[in-house]
C-alpha cells in the first residue's frame, strides 16, 4: 500500500538526491521525503554532516586586493614568457 502513495523507490530518490541538493530545491517538501522515514533520516544525517563541514571549513572572503595581485602577477608573467 505504501508503494501507491510513494511510487519513487528509496534507491531512485537517493540517486536523485545530489541533483536535488545542488538545485537548491526545498527537499523537505519532496513527496518521497514526506512519506519515507528512512530517507528523511538520511537527509537529516546529510544536513548534520554538511553543517559540521561548514563549521570545520568556514567560507572566507578573499581580501579586496586579491584580484589586483592576480592581475599583476599575470601581467608580470606575460612580460617574462620564458621565466617559470
N, C-alpha and C. Protein backbone atom coordinates (compact mmCIF):
# COMPACT_ATOMS: atom_id res chain seq x y z
N UNK A 1 0.82 -1.19 0.00
CA UNK A 1 0.00 0.00 0.00
C UNK A 1 0.87 1.26 0.00
N UNK A 2 1.99 1.19 0.70
CA UNK A 2 2.89 2.34 0.73
C UNK A 2 3.40 2.65 -0.67
N UNK A 3 3.53 1.61 -1.49
CA UNK A 3 4.02 1.79 -2.86
C UNK A 3 3.13 2.73 -3.65
N UNK A 4 1.80 2.66 -3.45
CA UNK A 4 0.88 3.51 -4.20
C UNK A 4 1.04 4.98 -3.81
N UNK A 5 1.24 5.25 -2.54
CA UNK A 5 1.41 6.63 -2.09
C UNK A 5 2.81 7.14 -2.39
N UNK A 6 3.75 6.24 -2.53
CA UNK A 6 5.15 6.60 -2.68
C UNK A 6 5.75 5.80 -3.83
N UNK A 7 5.41 6.15 -5.07
CA UNK A 7 5.87 5.34 -6.20
C UNK A 7 7.38 5.38 -6.43
N UNK A 8 8.06 6.40 -5.95
CA UNK A 8 9.50 6.52 -6.14
C UNK A 8 10.21 5.67 -5.09
N UNK A 9 11.05 4.74 -5.54
CA UNK A 9 11.77 3.89 -4.59
C UNK A 9 12.84 4.71 -3.87
N UNK A 10 13.28 4.19 -2.74
CA UNK A 10 14.35 4.86 -1.99
C UNK A 10 15.61 4.97 -2.85
N UNK A 11 15.93 3.91 -3.57
CA UNK A 11 17.14 3.93 -4.40
C UNK A 11 17.03 5.00 -5.48
N UNK A 12 15.87 5.12 -6.10
CA UNK A 12 15.68 6.13 -7.15
C UNK A 12 15.75 7.53 -6.55
N UNK A 13 15.13 7.72 -5.40
CA UNK A 13 15.17 9.03 -4.75
C UNK A 13 16.61 9.38 -4.36
N UNK A 14 17.31 8.43 -3.76
CA UNK A 14 18.68 8.69 -3.32
C UNK A 14 19.60 8.95 -4.50
N UNK A 15 19.31 8.36 -5.64
CA UNK A 15 20.11 8.63 -6.84
C UNK A 15 19.89 10.08 -7.30
N UNK A 16 18.68 10.61 -7.07
CA UNK A 16 18.36 11.98 -7.46
C UNK A 16 18.81 13.00 -6.41
N UNK A 17 19.10 12.54 -5.21
CA UNK A 17 19.37 13.43 -4.09
C UNK A 17 20.50 14.43 -4.36
N UNK A 18 21.65 14.05 -4.89
CA UNK A 18 22.70 15.05 -5.14
C UNK A 18 22.21 16.17 -6.07
N UNK A 19 21.45 15.81 -7.09
CA UNK A 19 20.93 16.82 -8.01
C UNK A 19 19.92 17.73 -7.31
N UNK A 20 19.07 17.13 -6.48
CA UNK A 20 18.09 17.93 -5.73
C UNK A 20 18.78 18.89 -4.78
N UNK A 21 19.80 18.42 -4.09
CA UNK A 21 20.54 19.27 -3.16
C UNK A 21 21.22 20.40 -3.93
N UNK A 22 21.84 20.07 -5.05
CA UNK A 22 22.53 21.07 -5.86
C UNK A 22 21.60 22.11 -6.46
N UNK A 23 20.34 21.74 -6.67
CA UNK A 23 19.39 22.66 -7.28
C UNK A 23 18.90 23.72 -6.30
N UNK A 24 19.09 23.46 -5.01
CA UNK A 24 18.59 24.40 -4.00
C UNK A 24 17.11 24.20 -3.71
N UNK A 25 16.53 23.19 -4.31
CA UNK A 25 15.11 22.89 -4.08
C UNK A 25 14.88 22.54 -2.61
N UNK A 26 13.71 22.87 -2.12
CA UNK A 26 13.35 22.52 -0.74
C UNK A 26 13.04 21.03 -0.70
N UNK A 27 14.04 20.24 -0.35
CA UNK A 27 13.92 18.78 -0.39
C UNK A 27 12.91 18.28 0.63
N UNK A 28 12.77 18.98 1.73
CA UNK A 28 11.84 18.55 2.78
C UNK A 28 10.41 18.49 2.28
N UNK A 29 10.10 19.20 1.22
CA UNK A 29 8.74 19.17 0.69
C UNK A 29 8.56 18.14 -0.42
N UNK A 30 9.63 17.43 -0.76
CA UNK A 30 9.54 16.40 -1.80
C UNK A 30 8.60 15.29 -1.34
N UNK A 31 7.71 14.81 -2.21
CA UNK A 31 6.75 13.77 -1.81
C UNK A 31 7.39 12.53 -1.19
N UNK A 32 8.54 12.11 -1.71
CA UNK A 32 9.17 10.91 -1.17
C UNK A 32 9.63 11.14 0.27
N UNK A 33 10.23 12.28 0.53
CA UNK A 33 10.71 12.60 1.89
C UNK A 33 9.54 12.65 2.86
N UNK A 34 8.44 13.22 2.42
CA UNK A 34 7.28 13.32 3.32
C UNK A 34 6.72 11.96 3.69
N UNK A 35 6.91 10.97 2.82
CA UNK A 35 6.31 9.66 3.08
C UNK A 35 7.31 8.57 3.48
N UNK A 36 8.60 8.87 3.49
CA UNK A 36 9.60 7.82 3.76
C UNK A 36 10.48 8.20 4.95
N UNK A 37 10.30 7.49 6.03
CA UNK A 37 11.06 7.76 7.25
C UNK A 37 12.55 7.50 7.05
N UNK A 38 12.89 6.46 6.30
CA UNK A 38 14.29 6.12 6.05
C UNK A 38 15.02 7.25 5.33
N UNK A 39 14.40 7.79 4.29
CA UNK A 39 15.05 8.86 3.52
C UNK A 39 15.04 10.18 4.28
N UNK A 40 14.03 10.40 5.13
CA UNK A 40 14.05 11.59 6.00
C UNK A 40 15.24 11.52 6.95
N UNK A 41 15.48 10.34 7.50
CA UNK A 41 16.62 10.16 8.41
C UNK A 41 17.93 10.37 7.66
N UNK A 42 18.02 9.85 6.43
CA UNK A 42 19.22 10.04 5.62
C UNK A 42 19.45 11.52 5.35
N UNK A 43 18.40 12.24 4.98
CA UNK A 43 18.52 13.67 4.71
C UNK A 43 18.96 14.42 5.98
N UNK A 44 18.40 14.06 7.11
CA UNK A 44 18.80 14.71 8.37
C UNK A 44 20.28 14.46 8.65
N UNK A 45 20.74 13.24 8.41
CA UNK A 45 22.16 12.92 8.60
C UNK A 45 23.03 13.75 7.65
N UNK A 46 22.63 13.86 6.40
CA UNK A 46 23.40 14.63 5.43
C UNK A 46 23.45 16.10 5.82
N UNK A 47 22.33 16.62 6.32
CA UNK A 47 22.31 18.02 6.75
C UNK A 47 23.23 18.24 7.95
N UNK A 48 23.26 17.27 8.86
CA UNK A 48 24.16 17.35 10.02
C UNK A 48 25.62 17.34 9.57
N UNK A 49 25.94 16.46 8.63
CA UNK A 49 27.31 16.38 8.10
C UNK A 49 27.69 17.66 7.39
N UNK A 50 26.78 18.20 6.58
CA UNK A 50 27.06 19.45 5.85
C UNK A 50 27.30 20.60 6.82
N UNK A 51 26.50 20.67 7.88
CA UNK A 51 26.69 21.74 8.87
C UNK A 51 28.03 21.59 9.58
N UNK A 52 28.39 20.36 9.92
CA UNK A 52 29.68 20.13 10.56
C UNK A 52 30.82 20.53 9.63
N UNK A 53 30.69 20.24 8.35
CA UNK A 53 31.73 20.62 7.39
C UNK A 53 31.84 22.13 7.29
N UNK A 54 30.69 22.83 7.31
CA UNK A 54 30.74 24.30 7.27
C UNK A 54 31.45 24.85 8.51
N UNK A 55 31.27 24.20 9.64
CA UNK A 55 31.93 24.64 10.87
C UNK A 55 33.44 24.42 10.78
N UNK A 56 33.83 23.29 10.16
CA UNK A 56 35.26 22.97 10.04
C UNK A 56 35.95 23.84 9.00
N UNK A 57 35.26 24.10 7.91
CA UNK A 57 35.84 24.84 6.80
C UNK A 57 34.96 26.03 6.45
N UNK A 58 34.99 27.06 7.29
CA UNK A 58 34.13 28.21 7.01
C UNK A 58 34.53 28.92 5.72
N UNK A 59 33.57 29.51 5.08
CA UNK A 59 33.84 30.27 3.86
C UNK A 59 34.52 31.57 4.25
N UNK A 60 35.65 31.81 3.64
CA UNK A 60 36.43 33.01 3.94
C UNK A 60 36.45 33.87 2.68
N UNK A 61 36.06 35.10 2.83
CA UNK A 61 36.09 36.02 1.70
C UNK A 61 37.54 36.43 1.43
N UNK A 62 37.94 36.42 0.16
CA UNK A 62 39.32 36.83 -0.14
C UNK A 62 39.49 38.33 0.09
N UNK A 63 40.73 38.74 0.35
CA UNK A 63 40.98 40.18 0.55
C UNK A 63 40.64 40.96 -0.72
N UNK A 64 40.25 42.21 -0.54
CA UNK A 64 39.86 43.06 -1.68
C UNK A 64 40.96 43.17 -2.73
N UNK A 65 42.20 43.17 -2.32
CA UNK A 65 43.31 43.37 -3.25
C UNK A 65 43.71 42.10 -4.00
N UNK A 66 43.07 40.99 -3.72
CA UNK A 66 43.49 39.72 -4.32
C UNK A 66 43.47 39.76 -5.84
N UNK A 67 42.36 40.25 -6.44
CA UNK A 67 42.28 40.26 -7.91
C UNK A 67 43.34 41.16 -8.51
N UNK A 68 43.65 42.26 -7.83
CA UNK A 68 44.72 43.14 -8.32
C UNK A 68 46.06 42.41 -8.30
N UNK A 69 46.30 41.64 -7.25
CA UNK A 69 47.54 40.87 -7.15
C UNK A 69 47.61 39.80 -8.24
N UNK A 70 46.51 39.15 -8.50
CA UNK A 70 46.46 38.12 -9.55
C UNK A 70 46.71 38.76 -10.90
N UNK A 71 46.03 39.88 -11.16
CA UNK A 71 46.21 40.57 -12.44
C UNK A 71 47.66 41.02 -12.62
N UNK A 72 48.26 41.54 -11.57
CA UNK A 72 49.64 41.98 -11.61
C UNK A 72 50.59 40.81 -11.90
N UNK A 73 50.34 39.68 -11.25
CA UNK A 73 51.18 38.50 -11.46
C UNK A 73 51.06 37.99 -12.90
N UNK A 74 49.85 38.03 -13.45
CA UNK A 74 49.65 37.60 -14.84
C UNK A 74 50.39 38.52 -15.79
N UNK A 75 50.26 39.82 -15.58
CA UNK A 75 50.94 40.78 -16.44
C UNK A 75 52.46 40.60 -16.36
N UNK A 76 52.94 40.35 -15.15
CA UNK A 76 54.38 40.14 -14.97
C UNK A 76 54.83 38.89 -15.71
N UNK A 77 54.04 37.83 -15.61
CA UNK A 77 54.37 36.58 -16.29
C UNK A 77 54.33 36.77 -17.81
N UNK A 78 53.36 37.51 -18.30
CA UNK A 78 53.27 37.75 -19.74
C UNK A 78 54.47 38.58 -20.23
N UNK A 79 54.99 39.43 -19.39
CA UNK A 79 56.17 40.24 -19.73
C UNK A 79 57.44 39.42 -19.72
N UNK A 80 57.44 38.27 -19.05
CA UNK A 80 58.62 37.38 -18.97
C UNK A 80 58.20 35.98 -19.39
N UNK A 81 57.90 35.76 -20.69
CA UNK A 81 57.36 34.47 -21.13
C UNK A 81 58.28 33.27 -20.87
N UNK A 82 59.58 33.43 -20.86
CA UNK A 82 60.49 32.30 -20.66
C UNK A 82 60.72 31.97 -19.19
N UNK A 83 60.30 32.83 -18.31
CA UNK A 83 60.55 32.66 -16.89
C UNK A 83 59.43 31.82 -16.26
N UNK A 84 59.81 30.79 -15.49
CA UNK A 84 58.81 29.97 -14.79
C UNK A 84 59.10 29.90 -13.35
